Amino acid sequence: MRQNCVVHASVVFFCIFQQVCGANSAMAARPPVLEADERMVANCQFLGTVRGTNSWGLLGGGRDGAMKAALKKAQQKGATNIVWGTVGTESSGVDVATGKAYQCGQVAANSQAAVNLAVSQSANPVSNLTATPQKLDVYKIARDITVLVDGYGNASGVMIAKADQTYYVLTSKHAVEKIATYTVTVQGGKKYSVAYDRIRQLADLDLAILPISSDQSYPIANLGDSDRVKQGDNVYVSGWPGTEQAITKRTHLVTDGRIVGLQKGDGDGYELMYGNSTAPGMSGGPVLDTSGRLVGIHGRAAGNQVSGKVGINLGIPINLFLQMASKSGLNLQKLGLRSGI
């Protein structure tokens, strides 16, 4: 009787070992989950939201540990890409990372069998696989979402949201503070008039929102997380400078540079400092990260009347806009925007 129990126990252990090893082998066979943004996964299959946690602090890798846990869950769903949502630390001290899991492109041949098995056992099988996303062209993104703002001098702006048939342009408040009729020119050259009384100026920040009504389809900026921007990061500033002796016609420019410093507590919100070249008329234009995500709004140059510009420019972090928008009566939920990215 004792011998039979030992035999049965061995069989049970072998079966469990096979199941665990088989599951691990299937996971290992699947390709890694790659980071993406909303543009890259626009035509991909959404698999659900994943959430990873890490309660071990730095010993467990901090926020990176939470992100790894979320990536593992996304891989278990058969995802090929993840779009990060909230990455931070809760009041309890637990690091949390959430993201949307997507499946894009053709799955690698060595993992096709494992994925097919997962799909066959799923209540919501994956379908409509699309081509692998191409590398982002930040310059094209910048060109598509940057607009001209004319009326009181020259300025730029960025398409930040859409609700029903109304688009919302974010720009510098100082560019639209005078009573006038303003004109927004979008990519392609179409012009839209905006009455002064429709402009929403933000309190405590040098920012304003201009609404334009249109039944046309225009690209919208994908928001980044400006809290994660650090000194040395590469950024791009996009805008339409005014004409002068050398630049004889309004021409869209995108300049690259790096974050050279971060200043907290500026009265108008100018906390990002970068070395990109800018010119008058680019105020209100977007500051983009290397993935083409909106992390700030350009609007100021360092210098004085004696020395002139000193090569350092400043922008307002997009997260600061999201935090302060509700104080000015803007409904972020209606605009499809989220605070605390």
Protein backbone atom coordinates (compact mmCIF):
# COMPACT_ATOMS: atom_id res chain seq x y z
CA MET A 1 0.00 0.00 0.00
CA ARG A 2 2.84 2.41 0.90
CA GLN A 3 4.62 1.58 -2.36
CA ASN A 4 1.47 2.37 -4.37
CA CYS A 5 1.16 5.76 -2.64
CA VAL A 6 4.75 6.60 -3.56
CA VAL A 7 4.08 5.64 -7.18
CA HIS A 8 0.90 7.72 -7.30
CA ALA A 9 2.65 10.71 -5.76
CA SER A 10 5.41 10.46 -8.36
CA VAL A 11 2.86 10.40 -11.16
CA VAL A 12 1.10 13.48 -9.78
CA PHE A 13 4.40 15.35 -9.42
CA PHE A 14 5.38 14.43 -13.00
CA CYS A 15 2.06 15.71 -14.34
CA ILE A 16 2.38 19.01 -12.48
CA PHE A 17 5.98 19.33 -13.66
CA GLN A 18 4.88 18.78 -17.26
CA GLN A 19 2.14 21.43 -16.98
CA VAL A 20 4.42 24.04 -15.42
CA CYS A 21 7.29 23.43 -17.84
CA GLY A 22 4.88 23.35 -20.77
CA ALA A 23 3.39 26.70 -19.76
CA ASN A 24 6.82 28.23 -19.28
CA SER A 25 7.96 26.88 -22.65
CA ALA A 26 4.94 28.42 -24.34
CA MET A 27 5.67 31.78 -22.68
CA ALA A 28 9.32 31.62 -23.68
CA ALA A 29 8.34 30.86 -27.27
CA ARG A 30 6.29 34.00 -27.57
CA PRO A 31 7.99 37.18 -28.83
CA PRO A 32 8.71 40.01 -26.36
CA VAL A 33 6.06 42.67 -25.85
CA LEU A 34 7.20 45.97 -27.35
CA GLU A 35 6.32 49.46 -26.11
CA ALA A 36 4.13 51.51 -28.46
CA ASP A 37 1.77 54.48 -28.50
CA GLU A 38 -1.82 54.93 -29.68
CA ARG A 39 -0.80 55.75 -33.26
CA MET A 40 1.20 52.56 -33.64
CA VAL A 41 -1.68 50.33 -32.49
CA ALA A 42 -4.53 52.17 -34.22
CA ASN A 43 -5.33 49.13 -36.40
CA CYS A 44 -4.35 46.42 -33.93
CA GLN A 45 -6.46 44.07 -31.84
CA PHE A 46 -7.05 45.33 -28.28
CA LEU A 47 -6.65 42.47 -25.80
CA GLY A 48 -7.40 44.27 -22.56
CA THR A 49 -5.73 46.32 -19.84
CA VAL A 50 -2.98 44.76 -17.76
CA ARG A 51 -1.76 45.84 -14.33
CA GLY A 52 1.54 45.04 -12.69
CA THR A 53 2.55 45.76 -9.09
CA ASN A 54 5.74 45.68 -7.06
CA SER A 55 5.62 46.01 -3.28
CA TRP A 56 9.36 45.46 -2.78
CA GLY A 57 10.40 49.01 -3.67
CA LEU A 58 13.90 49.37 -5.07
CA LEU A 59 14.71 45.82 -3.98
CA GLY A 60 12.19 44.60 -6.51
CA GLY A 61 13.21 47.02 -9.24
CA GLY A 62 10.91 49.92 -8.26
CA ARG A 63 8.58 51.03 -11.03
CA ASP A 64 10.58 48.95 -13.50
CA GLY A 65 9.57 45.90 -11.51
CA ALA A 66 5.91 46.85 -11.79
CA MET A 67 6.32 47.40 -15.53
CA LYS A 68 7.95 43.99 -15.94
CA ALA A 69 5.01 42.40 -14.12
CA ALA A 70 2.57 44.15 -16.46
CA LEU A 71 4.62 43.09 -19.50
CA LYS A 72 4.46 39.48 -18.34
CA LYS A 73 0.67 39.66 -18.11
CA ALA A 74 0.50 41.23 -21.56
CA GLN A 75 2.66 38.41 -22.92
CA GLN A 76 0.34 35.85 -21.33
CA LYS A 77 -2.52 37.42 -23.31
CA GLY A 78 -0.56 36.95 -26.53
CA ALA A 79 0.17 40.67 -26.92
CA THR A 80 2.89 42.01 -29.17
CA ASN A 81 2.66 45.64 -28.03
CA ILE A 82 1.74 47.63 -24.93
CA VAL A 83 0.69 51.27 -24.56
CA TRP A 84 1.57 52.45 -21.06
CA GLY A 85 -1.03 54.22 -18.99
CA THR A 86 -0.33 54.99 -15.33
CA VAL A 87 3.16 54.27 -14.02
CA GLY A 88 3.81 55.44 -10.47
CA THR A 89 3.74 54.78 -6.76
CA GLU A 90 0.54 54.57 -4.74
CA SER A 91 0.16 56.18 -1.32
CA SER A 92 0.65 52.74 0.20
CA GLY A 93 4.15 52.62 -1.28
CA VAL A 94 3.28 49.96 -3.88
CA ASP A 95 4.66 50.63 -7.37
CA VAL A 96 1.97 50.20 -10.05
CA ALA A 97 2.09 50.08 -13.83
CA THR A 98 -0.93 49.76 -16.12
CA GLY A 99 -1.05 49.44 -19.87
CA LYS A 100 -3.24 48.45 -22.79
CA ALA A 101 -2.25 45.19 -24.45
CA TYR A 102 -2.52 44.84 -28.24
CA GLN A 103 -1.70 42.20 -30.81
CA CYS A 104 -0.22 43.60 -34.02
CA GLY A 105 1.37 41.98 -37.03
CA GLN A 106 2.15 38.40 -37.89
CA VAL A 107 3.31 36.32 -34.93
CA ALA A 108 6.76 34.77 -35.20
CA ALA A 109 6.78 31.28 -36.67
CA ASN A 110 8.34 29.67 -33.61
CA SER A 111 5.46 30.88 -31.42
CA GLN A 112 2.53 30.40 -33.81
CA ALA A 113 1.48 27.07 -32.33
CA ALA A 114 1.45 28.45 -28.80
CA VAL A 115 -0.60 31.47 -29.85
CA ASN A 116 -3.06 29.37 -31.82
CA LEU A 117 -3.57 27.19 -28.76
CA ALA A 118 -4.21 30.26 -26.59
CA VAL A 119 -6.66 31.66 -29.15
CA SER A 120 -8.56 28.38 -29.44
CA GLN A 121 -9.04 28.29 -25.67
CA SER A 122 -10.06 31.94 -25.39
CA ALA A 123 -13.63 33.17 -25.19
CA ASN A 124 -12.62 36.18 -27.30
CA PRO A 125 -10.29 34.89 -30.02
CA VAL A 126 -7.84 37.31 -31.62
CA SER A 127 -8.57 38.28 -35.23
CA ASN A 128 -7.79 40.80 -37.94
CA LEU A 129 -4.00 40.76 -37.57
CA THR A 130 -2.37 43.71 -39.31
CA ALA A 131 1.06 44.59 -40.57
CA THR A 132 3.81 45.32 -38.07
CA PRO A 133 3.86 49.07 -37.25
CA GLN A 134 6.52 51.07 -39.00
CA LYS A 135 9.07 53.23 -37.21
CA LEU A 136 7.57 56.53 -36.14
CA ASP A 137 8.39 59.65 -38.16
CA VAL A 138 8.43 62.39 -35.51
CA TYR A 139 8.72 65.09 -38.16
CA LYS A 140 5.55 63.92 -39.92
CA ILE A 141 3.68 63.68 -36.62
CA ALA A 142 4.79 67.21 -35.76
CA ARG A 143 3.71 68.53 -39.16
CA ASP A 144 0.27 66.90 -38.92
CA ILE A 145 -0.65 68.14 -35.44
CA THR A 146 0.91 71.64 -35.47
CA VAL A 147 -1.28 74.56 -36.56
CA LEU A 148 -0.82 78.30 -37.24
CA VAL A 149 -2.58 80.77 -34.97
CA ASP A 150 -2.97 84.30 -36.37
CA GLY A 151 -4.80 87.35 -35.07
CA TYR A 152 -2.66 89.12 -32.53
CA GLY A 153 0.80 88.59 -33.93
CA ASN A 154 1.99 85.16 -35.08
CA ALA A 155 1.83 81.97 -33.04
CA SER A 156 1.55 78.21 -33.32
CA GLY A 157 -0.62 75.60 -31.64
CA VAL A 158 -1.30 71.89 -31.42
CA MET A 159 -4.43 69.80 -32.00
CA ILE A 160 -4.91 68.23 -28.58
CA ALA A 161 -8.46 66.84 -28.50
CA LYS A 162 -11.75 66.32 -30.32
CA ALA A 163 -15.31 66.04 -29.00
CA ASP A 164 -18.14 65.49 -31.48
CA GLN A 165 -17.27 67.85 -34.37
CA THR A 166 -15.22 70.27 -32.31
CA TYR A 167 -11.42 70.19 -32.25
CA TYR A 168 -9.45 71.84 -29.47
CA VAL A 169 -6.16 73.65 -30.10
CA LEU A 170 -3.75 74.24 -27.22
CA THR A 171 -1.51 77.32 -27.55
CA SER A 172 0.20 80.03 -25.50
CA LYS A 173 -2.11 82.41 -23.66
CA HIS A 174 0.08 85.41 -24.42
CA ALA A 175 -0.50 84.75 -28.15
CA VAL A 176 -4.29 85.19 -27.86
CA GLU A 177 -4.72 87.55 -24.91
CA LYS A 178 -5.83 90.57 -26.98
CA ILE A 179 -9.41 90.97 -28.18
CA ALA A 180 -9.41 89.98 -31.84
CA THR A 181 -10.76 87.38 -34.25
CA TYR A 182 -8.22 84.60 -34.51
CA THR A 183 -7.58 82.24 -37.39
CA VAL A 184 -6.36 78.66 -37.02
CA THR A 185 -4.76 77.15 -40.13
CA VAL A 186 -4.50 73.37 -40.04
CA GLN A 187 -2.25 71.02 -42.00
CA GLY A 188 -3.36 71.23 -45.63
CA GLY A 189 -4.10 74.96 -45.47
CA LYS A 190 -7.75 75.08 -44.40
CA LYS A 191 -8.51 78.07 -42.15
CA TYR A 192 -10.97 78.32 -39.25
CA SER A 193 -12.04 81.53 -37.50
CA VAL A 194 -12.28 81.64 -33.70
CA ALA A 195 -14.08 84.49 -31.92
CA TYR A 196 -12.26 85.89 -28.91
CA ASP A 197 -15.12 85.07 -26.51
CA ARG A 198 -14.80 81.36 -27.36
CA ILE A 199 -11.17 81.16 -26.25
CA ARG A 200 -10.63 79.57 -22.84
CA GLN A 201 -7.62 81.00 -21.03
CA LEU A 202 -6.13 78.92 -18.23
CA ALA A 203 -5.59 80.41 -14.82
CA ASP A 204 -2.00 80.37 -13.49
CA LEU A 205 -0.54 78.99 -16.75
CA ASP A 206 0.48 80.70 -19.99
CA LEU A 207 -1.89 78.45 -21.94
CA ALA A 208 -5.19 78.81 -23.79
CA ILE A 209 -7.63 76.57 -25.66
CA LEU A 210 -9.15 77.52 -29.03
CA PRO A 211 -12.14 75.46 -30.27
CA ILE A 212 -12.73 74.99 -34.00
CA SER A 213 -15.75 73.28 -35.54
CA SER A 214 -15.16 70.92 -38.46
CA ASP A 215 -16.51 67.72 -39.96
CA GLN A 216 -13.08 66.96 -41.42
CA SER A 217 -10.71 64.37 -39.98
CA TYR A 218 -7.49 65.75 -38.49
CA PRO A 219 -4.75 64.03 -36.47
CA ILE A 220 -4.70 64.59 -32.71
CA ALA A 221 -1.58 64.75 -30.57
CA ASN A 222 -0.77 61.68 -28.50
CA LEU A 223 0.00 62.76 -24.93
CA GLY A 224 3.22 61.72 -23.25
CA ASP A 225 4.17 61.78 -19.58
CA SER A 226 6.12 64.96 -18.88
CA ASP A 227 6.86 63.77 -15.33
CA ARG A 228 9.24 61.24 -16.85
CA VAL A 229 11.16 63.82 -18.90
CA LYS A 230 14.67 64.25 -17.53
CA GLN A 231 17.79 66.26 -18.21
CA GLY A 232 19.53 65.02 -21.35
CA ASP A 233 16.39 63.69 -23.06
CA ASN A 234 16.06 64.44 -26.77
CA VAL A 235 13.02 66.59 -27.66
CA TYR A 236 11.58 68.27 -30.76
CA VAL A 237 9.92 71.70 -30.99
CA SER A 238 7.44 72.26 -33.81
CA GLY A 239 6.02 75.56 -35.01
CA TRP A 240 5.37 78.14 -37.71
CA PRO A 241 7.74 81.09 -37.19
CA GLY A 242 6.81 84.51 -38.55
CA THR A 243 8.56 85.97 -41.56
CA GLU A 244 11.73 88.02 -41.28
CA GLN A 245 14.75 88.91 -43.38
CA ALA A 246 15.87 85.31 -43.91
CA ILE A 247 12.60 83.39 -43.54
CA THR A 248 10.52 85.19 -46.15
CA LYS A 249 7.37 83.03 -45.90
CA ARG A 250 5.60 81.07 -43.17
CA THR A 251 7.35 77.69 -43.12
CA HIS A 252 6.78 74.82 -40.73
CA LEU A 253 9.93 74.04 -38.72
CA VAL A 254 10.89 71.16 -36.43
CA THR A 255 14.07 71.61 -34.42
CA ASP A 256 15.74 68.97 -32.29
CA GLY A 257 17.66 69.44 -29.08
CA ARG A 258 17.92 68.20 -25.53
CA ILE A 259 16.41 69.00 -22.17
CA VAL A 260 19.08 71.06 -20.44
CA GLY A 261 17.30 71.69 -17.16
CA LEU A 262 14.08 71.53 -15.17
CA GLN A 263 12.85 74.41 -13.01
CA LYS A 264 9.97 73.92 -10.62
CA GLY A 265 7.48 76.50 -9.45
CA ASP A 266 7.58 79.00 -12.31
CA GLY A 267 4.62 81.35 -12.04
CA ASP A 268 3.47 80.77 -15.63
CA GLY A 269 4.29 77.05 -15.69
CA TYR A 270 7.55 77.18 -17.64
CA GLU A 271 9.36 74.21 -16.10
CA LEU A 272 10.97 72.56 -19.16
CA MET A 273 14.26 74.04 -20.39
CA TYR A 274 15.79 72.90 -23.69
CA GLY A 275 18.45 73.90 -26.19
CA ASN A 276 16.34 73.68 -29.37
CA SER A 277 16.51 76.60 -31.79
CA THR A 278 13.24 78.56 -31.93
CA ALA A 279 11.97 81.76 -33.50
CA PRO A 280 9.13 84.24 -32.88
CA GLY A 281 5.87 82.67 -34.02
CA MET A 282 6.68 79.21 -32.64
CA SER A 283 5.12 80.04 -29.26
CA GLY A 284 2.28 77.63 -28.54
CA GLY A 285 3.80 74.87 -30.64
CA PRO A 286 4.28 71.34 -29.32
CA VAL A 287 7.34 69.94 -27.59
CA LEU A 288 7.54 66.25 -28.54
CA ASP A 289 9.56 63.32 -27.23
CA THR A 290 11.37 60.84 -29.48
CA SER A 291 8.15 58.85 -29.93
CA GLY A 292 6.24 61.90 -31.15
CA ARG A 293 4.27 62.24 -27.90
CA LEU A 294 3.30 65.68 -26.63
CA VAL A 295 5.24 66.46 -23.44
CA GLY A 296 5.06 70.26 -23.41
CA ILE A 297 4.06 73.54 -25.04
CA HIS A 298 6.80 75.91 -26.17
CA GLY A 299 6.42 79.58 -25.34
CA ARG A 300 9.44 81.36 -23.93
CA ALA A 301 13.12 82.08 -24.65
CA ALA A 302 15.73 82.90 -22.02
CA GLY A 303 17.63 86.20 -22.33
CA ASN A 304 17.20 89.92 -21.86
CA GLN A 305 17.23 93.18 -23.82
CA VAL A 306 20.99 93.52 -23.40
CA SER A 307 22.20 90.01 -24.25
CA GLY A 308 19.25 88.95 -26.40
CA LYS A 309 18.41 85.25 -26.62
CA VAL A 310 20.95 82.98 -24.97
CA GLY A 311 19.97 79.74 -26.70
CA ILE A 312 17.82 78.30 -23.91
CA ASN A 313 14.07 77.97 -24.47
CA LEU A 314 11.27 77.02 -22.14
CA GLY A 315 8.03 75.07 -22.30
CA ILE A 316 5.12 74.14 -20.05
CA PRO A 317 4.85 70.41 -19.17
CA ILE A 318 1.70 68.75 -20.52
CA ASN A 319 1.02 67.10 -17.15
CA LEU A 320 0.86 70.56 -15.57
CA PHE A 321 -1.81 71.51 -18.10
CA LEU A 322 -3.80 68.38 -17.23
CA GLN A 323 -3.55 69.14 -13.51
CA MET A 324 -4.67 72.75 -13.85
CA ALA A 325 -7.27 72.43 -16.64
CA SER A 326 -10.21 71.71 -14.35
CA LYS A 327 -9.56 74.92 -12.39
CA SER A 328 -10.32 76.82 -15.60
CA GLY A 329 -13.56 74.94 -16.17
CA LEU A 330 -12.22 72.54 -18.79
CA ASN A 331 -13.82 69.10 -18.70
CA LEU A 332 -10.98 66.65 -19.36
CA GLN A 333 -13.38 63.72 -19.57
CA LYS A 334 -15.39 65.45 -22.30
CA LEU A 335 -12.18 66.18 -24.20
CA GLY A 336 -11.06 62.57 -23.89
CA LEU A 337 -7.99 63.59 -21.87
CA ARG A 338 -6.70 62.06 -18.64
CA SER A 339 -4.88 63.62 -15.74
CA GLY A 340 -2.10 61.74 -13.98
CA ILE A 341 -0.82 59.92 -17.09
